[in-house]
Amino acid sequence: MKKNGLSGEFIGEVFGTFILILLGDGVVANVGLAPRLAAPGYNWNTITLGWAFAVVIAVYVTAGVSGAHINPAVTLALAVKKGFSWAKVIPYWIAQMIGAFLGALGVYLCYLDGLVQAGMPNVWCTGPGSVFGSAFWGGAGGSAVGSYSLLTAFICEIFGTAVLLWGVLAVTDEKGGAGKLGPLLVGLTVLAVGLSLGGPSGYAINPARDLGPRIFGVLVGTTGLFSGLYWLVAPIIGPLVGGVIGVFTYDFFVTANLPD
């Protein structure tokens, strides 16, 4: 029997998104501030693995409560095509934003000393100025977003989020049989997106993951987070569009062709 209804699901989405950002932005801060190892000890693989396991833990913990959307793009896509109640979309989005903001607060508290010494760098969100473009131990970073146009970053977010939805739908499909392995497989999907498509935009693939910590970053003194239109186009509009495309293409190419 379902307990607490929407209020319980709201709490589940807050907690799940909190875990996602605590661990996800946590690995970004760990890489950017390099508190334990010199710069060569950390690389893009560290970030992608950290985010993948952040997803795994968040989904395992809260899937039974709210379905562990922990992503407005997932919520929108499921409402558009998979029968998720439209009445729950806005509450889920609000919960995800709250959880993402609180997750950033957790990272701030854990890495406060290093963040202050580094001048409060952008470990919060994707885009120009993030550790995806530079490393705050002083060495030159990969210059990911800086070498790509906004249009390219936007397109990459669409593709990345579509791939995420393909993975989510595949492991939650009743005919897929993923069972308890579902959260792990979703995490591996995120890992694949990060390794293969993460360079141009930093693979937000989740509007709350980017916007909640971005707002928090502004409040604690990180500069330039809302300069230009990048913050809106690539990490917010891109994933929302990509999620809807992902769910429609999955149904067209996969669901319609599954054996009875």
Protein backbone atom coordinates (compact mmCIF):
# COMPACT_ATOMS: atom_id res chain seq x y z
CA MET A 1 0.00 0.00 0.00
CA LYS A 2 1.29 3.45 -0.92
CA LYS A 3 2.02 5.63 2.11
CA ASN A 4 1.87 9.42 2.30
CA GLY A 5 1.03 9.83 -1.41
CA LEU A 6 2.46 12.89 -3.07
CA SER A 7 4.01 14.23 0.14
CA GLY A 8 6.08 11.07 0.49
CA GLU A 9 7.09 11.23 -3.16
CA PHE A 10 8.05 14.88 -2.72
CA ILE A 11 10.33 13.99 0.19
CA GLY A 12 11.80 11.12 -1.82
CA GLU A 13 12.67 13.43 -4.71
CA VAL A 14 14.23 15.99 -2.37
CA PHE A 15 16.35 13.33 -0.68
CA GLY A 16 17.31 11.55 -3.89
CA THR A 17 18.39 14.75 -5.64
CA PHE A 18 20.24 15.82 -2.50
CA ILE A 19 22.26 12.59 -2.62
CA LEU A 20 22.89 13.03 -6.34
CA ILE A 21 24.36 16.52 -5.93
CA LEU A 22 26.18 15.82 -2.66
CA LEU A 23 28.14 13.03 -4.34
CA GLY A 24 28.17 14.43 -7.88
CA ASP A 25 29.28 17.97 -7.13
CA GLY A 26 31.36 16.42 -4.38
CA VAL A 27 33.54 14.60 -6.90
CA VAL A 28 33.81 17.80 -8.95
CA ALA A 29 35.06 19.66 -5.88
CA ASN A 30 37.41 16.79 -5.08
CA VAL A 31 38.92 16.93 -8.55
CA GLY A 32 39.02 20.72 -8.74
CA LEU A 33 40.56 21.23 -5.32
CA ALA A 34 42.72 18.06 -5.32
CA PRO A 35 42.88 17.83 -1.51
CA ARG A 36 44.59 14.45 -1.38
CA LEU A 37 46.60 14.02 -4.56
CA ALA A 38 48.41 16.25 -7.00
CA ALA A 39 46.68 17.12 -10.26
CA PRO A 40 47.79 13.98 -12.17
CA GLY A 41 45.92 11.85 -9.64
CA TYR A 42 42.58 13.09 -10.91
CA ASN A 43 41.10 13.25 -14.38
CA TRP A 44 37.86 13.21 -16.35
CA ASN A 45 37.37 9.54 -15.51
CA THR A 46 37.23 10.43 -11.82
CA ILE A 47 34.41 12.88 -12.47
CA THR A 48 32.41 10.54 -14.69
CA LEU A 49 32.74 7.63 -12.26
CA GLY A 50 31.79 9.84 -9.32
CA TRP A 51 28.65 11.08 -11.06
CA ALA A 52 27.72 7.56 -12.17
CA PHE A 53 27.88 6.20 -8.64
CA ALA A 54 26.06 9.27 -7.35
CA VAL A 55 23.17 8.28 -9.61
CA VAL A 56 23.36 4.65 -8.51
CA ILE A 57 23.15 5.50 -4.80
CA ALA A 58 20.43 8.13 -5.25
CA VAL A 59 18.25 5.79 -7.30
CA TYR A 60 18.77 2.81 -4.99
CA VAL A 61 17.83 4.86 -1.94
CA THR A 62 14.69 6.56 -3.25
CA ALA A 63 13.33 4.50 -6.15
CA GLY A 64 10.82 2.77 -3.90
CA VAL A 65 9.47 6.07 -2.60
CA SER A 66 9.17 8.35 -5.62
CA GLY A 67 10.50 6.36 -8.57
CA ALA A 68 13.75 8.34 -8.23
CA HIS A 69 13.28 10.66 -11.16
CA ILE A 70 15.74 13.13 -9.54
CA ASN A 71 15.70 14.97 -12.86
CA PRO A 72 13.06 17.33 -14.33
CA ALA A 73 13.83 16.03 -17.82
CA VAL A 74 12.93 12.50 -16.75
CA THR A 75 9.76 13.72 -15.04
CA LEU A 76 8.65 15.68 -18.11
CA ALA A 77 9.42 12.83 -20.50
CA LEU A 78 7.46 10.31 -18.43
CA ALA A 79 4.51 12.70 -18.23
CA VAL A 80 4.54 13.29 -21.99
CA LYS A 81 4.66 9.66 -23.02
CA LYS A 82 4.51 7.17 -20.15
CA GLY A 83 1.43 8.10 -18.16
CA PHE A 84 3.10 9.91 -15.25
CA SER A 85 0.53 12.28 -13.76
CA TRP A 86 0.83 15.85 -15.01
CA ALA A 87 -0.42 17.00 -11.61
CA LYS A 88 2.82 15.72 -10.08
CA VAL A 89 5.21 17.35 -12.55
CA ILE A 90 5.54 20.75 -10.85
CA PRO A 91 5.78 19.28 -7.31
CA TYR A 92 8.48 16.89 -8.52
CA TRP A 93 10.37 19.74 -10.18
CA ILE A 94 10.20 21.82 -7.01
CA ALA A 95 11.40 18.89 -4.92
CA GLN A 96 14.28 18.25 -7.30
CA MET A 97 15.36 21.89 -7.18
CA ILE A 98 15.25 21.92 -3.37
CA GLY A 99 17.25 18.71 -3.20
CA ALA A 100 19.84 20.00 -5.66
CA PHE A 101 20.25 23.25 -3.71
CA LEU A 102 20.67 21.35 -0.44
CA GLY A 103 23.13 18.96 -2.05
CA ALA A 104 25.26 21.93 -3.09
CA LEU A 105 25.09 23.17 0.50
CA GLY A 106 26.43 19.80 1.64
CA VAL A 107 29.36 20.07 -0.78
CA TYR A 108 30.02 23.61 0.43
CA LEU A 109 30.20 22.45 4.05
CA CYS A 110 32.49 19.52 3.22
CA TYR A 111 34.92 21.51 1.04
CA LEU A 112 34.60 24.94 2.62
CA ASP A 113 38.29 25.41 3.46
CA GLY A 114 39.45 24.52 -0.03
CA LEU A 115 36.72 26.54 -1.72
CA VAL A 116 37.60 29.64 0.26
CA GLN A 117 41.31 29.27 -0.44
CA ALA A 118 40.60 28.79 -4.16
CA GLY A 119 38.38 31.88 -4.30
CA MET A 120 35.03 30.04 -4.41
CA PRO A 121 35.43 28.51 -7.88
CA ASN A 122 32.61 27.01 -9.88
CA VAL A 123 32.29 23.42 -8.73
CA TRP A 124 28.50 23.76 -8.81
CA CYS A 125 27.38 23.63 -12.41
CA THR A 126 28.43 23.17 -16.01
CA GLY A 127 29.48 25.79 -18.49
CA PRO A 128 32.17 28.45 -18.71
CA GLY A 129 34.29 28.75 -15.59
CA SER A 130 33.57 25.25 -14.29
CA VAL A 131 36.26 22.73 -13.42
CA PHE A 132 35.40 21.03 -16.70
CA GLY A 133 37.37 23.85 -18.28
CA SER A 134 40.09 24.43 -15.70
CA ALA A 135 41.60 22.85 -12.62
CA PHE A 136 41.98 24.95 -9.51
CA TRP A 137 45.27 23.38 -8.43
CA GLY A 138 46.86 25.66 -11.02
CA GLY A 139 47.32 23.39 -14.02
CA ALA A 140 45.58 23.88 -17.32
CA GLY A 141 42.40 21.87 -17.71
CA GLY A 142 40.82 20.31 -20.75
CA SER A 143 39.11 23.57 -21.82
CA ALA A 144 35.93 21.66 -22.56
CA VAL A 145 33.12 24.20 -22.89
CA GLY A 146 35.46 27.03 -23.81
CA SER A 147 36.32 25.38 -27.10
CA TYR A 148 32.75 24.61 -28.16
CA SER A 149 29.90 26.85 -29.24
CA LEU A 150 26.67 27.21 -27.33
CA LEU A 151 24.85 25.49 -30.18
CA THR A 152 27.17 22.49 -29.97
CA ALA A 153 26.74 22.29 -26.20
CA PHE A 154 22.96 22.50 -26.63
CA ILE A 155 22.93 19.69 -29.21
CA CYS A 156 25.14 17.54 -27.01
CA GLU A 157 22.78 18.00 -24.05
CA ILE A 158 19.89 16.86 -26.24
CA PHE A 159 21.72 13.73 -27.32
CA GLY A 160 23.03 13.01 -23.83
CA THR A 161 19.61 13.30 -22.22
CA ALA A 162 18.01 11.19 -24.94
CA VAL A 163 20.55 8.45 -24.22
CA LEU A 164 19.79 8.78 -20.52
CA LEU A 165 16.08 8.25 -21.20
CA TRP A 166 16.82 5.23 -23.38
CA GLY A 167 18.71 3.70 -20.50
CA VAL A 168 16.06 4.59 -17.92
CA LEU A 169 13.23 3.23 -20.04
CA ALA A 170 15.13 0.06 -20.91
CA VAL A 171 15.79 -0.86 -17.29
CA THR A 172 12.31 0.06 -16.09
CA ASP A 173 10.47 -1.64 -18.95
CA GLU A 174 8.49 -4.59 -17.62
CA LYS A 175 9.91 -6.71 -20.42
CA GLY A 176 13.47 -5.66 -19.63
CA GLY A 177 13.81 -7.64 -16.42
CA ALA A 178 16.51 -5.42 -14.87
CA GLY A 179 15.03 -5.74 -11.37
CA LYS A 180 17.40 -4.81 -8.55
CA LEU A 181 20.14 -4.09 -11.08
CA GLY A 182 18.14 -1.18 -12.48
CA PRO A 183 19.88 1.61 -10.51
CA LEU A 184 23.30 0.24 -11.40
CA LEU A 185 22.41 0.13 -15.07
CA VAL A 186 21.08 3.68 -14.98
CA GLY A 187 24.35 4.75 -13.38
CA LEU A 188 26.28 3.00 -16.12
CA THR A 189 24.18 4.86 -18.66
CA VAL A 190 25.23 8.14 -17.07
CA LEU A 191 28.82 6.94 -17.10
CA ALA A 192 28.57 6.21 -20.82
CA VAL A 193 27.12 9.66 -21.50
CA GLY A 194 29.86 11.34 -19.51
CA LEU A 195 32.68 9.41 -21.15
CA SER A 196 31.37 9.69 -24.70
CA LEU A 197 29.34 12.92 -24.88
CA GLY A 198 30.38 14.95 -21.85
CA GLY A 199 33.07 17.15 -23.33
CA PRO A 200 31.21 19.96 -25.10
CA SER A 201 28.83 20.86 -22.29
CA GLY A 202 29.90 19.02 -19.15
CA TYR A 203 26.78 16.79 -19.53
CA ALA A 204 24.29 18.39 -17.17
CA ILE A 205 21.52 16.18 -18.66
CA ASN A 206 19.43 17.37 -15.71
CA PRO A 207 18.08 20.93 -15.29
CA ALA A 208 17.81 20.68 -11.48
CA ARG A 209 21.32 19.26 -11.20
CA ASP A 210 22.60 22.42 -12.88
CA LEU A 211 20.24 25.20 -11.81
CA GLY A 212 19.90 24.39 -8.10
CA PRO A 213 23.66 24.38 -7.42
CA ARG A 214 24.10 27.35 -9.77
CA ILE A 215 21.77 29.43 -7.59
CA PHE A 216 23.60 28.23 -4.49
CA GLY A 217 26.94 29.13 -6.06
CA VAL A 218 25.81 32.71 -6.63
CA LEU A 219 24.73 33.01 -3.00
CA VAL A 220 28.16 31.92 -1.71
CA GLY A 221 30.08 34.22 -4.02
CA THR A 222 30.95 32.31 -7.18
CA THR A 223 30.91 34.82 -10.02
CA GLY A 224 29.77 34.64 -13.62
CA LEU A 225 27.32 31.77 -13.20
CA PHE A 226 24.45 33.61 -14.93
CA SER A 227 26.47 35.50 -17.52
CA GLY A 228 25.02 35.19 -21.00
CA LEU A 229 22.42 32.60 -21.99
CA TYR A 230 24.45 29.43 -21.54
CA TRP A 231 22.86 28.62 -18.16
CA LEU A 232 19.37 28.55 -19.75
CA VAL A 233 19.98 27.06 -23.18
CA ALA A 234 22.34 24.13 -22.68
CA PRO A 235 21.64 22.69 -19.20
CA ILE A 236 17.91 23.50 -18.95
CA ILE A 237 16.25 23.64 -22.36
CA GLY A 238 18.60 21.05 -23.86
CA PRO A 239 17.80 18.26 -21.36
CA LEU A 240 14.06 18.98 -21.40
CA VAL A 241 14.01 18.69 -25.19
CA GLY A 242 16.33 15.69 -25.16
CA GLY A 243 14.24 13.82 -22.60
CA VAL A 244 11.07 14.15 -24.67
CA ILE A 245 12.92 13.12 -27.83
CA GLY A 246 14.38 10.19 -25.93
CA VAL A 247 11.05 8.81 -24.78
CA PHE A 248 9.43 9.16 -28.21
CA THR A 249 12.35 7.54 -30.03
CA TYR A 250 12.49 4.70 -27.51
CA ASP A 251 8.83 3.93 -28.09
CA PHE A 252 9.24 4.17 -31.86
CA PHE A 253 12.36 2.05 -32.21
CA VAL A 254 12.03 -0.31 -29.24
CA THR A 255 8.61 -0.50 -27.58
CA ALA A 256 6.73 -0.87 -30.85
CA ASN A 257 9.00 -3.74 -31.87
CA LEU A 258 9.16 -5.75 -28.68
CA PRO A 259 7.72 -9.27 -28.92
CA ASP A 260 4.36 -9.82 -27.29
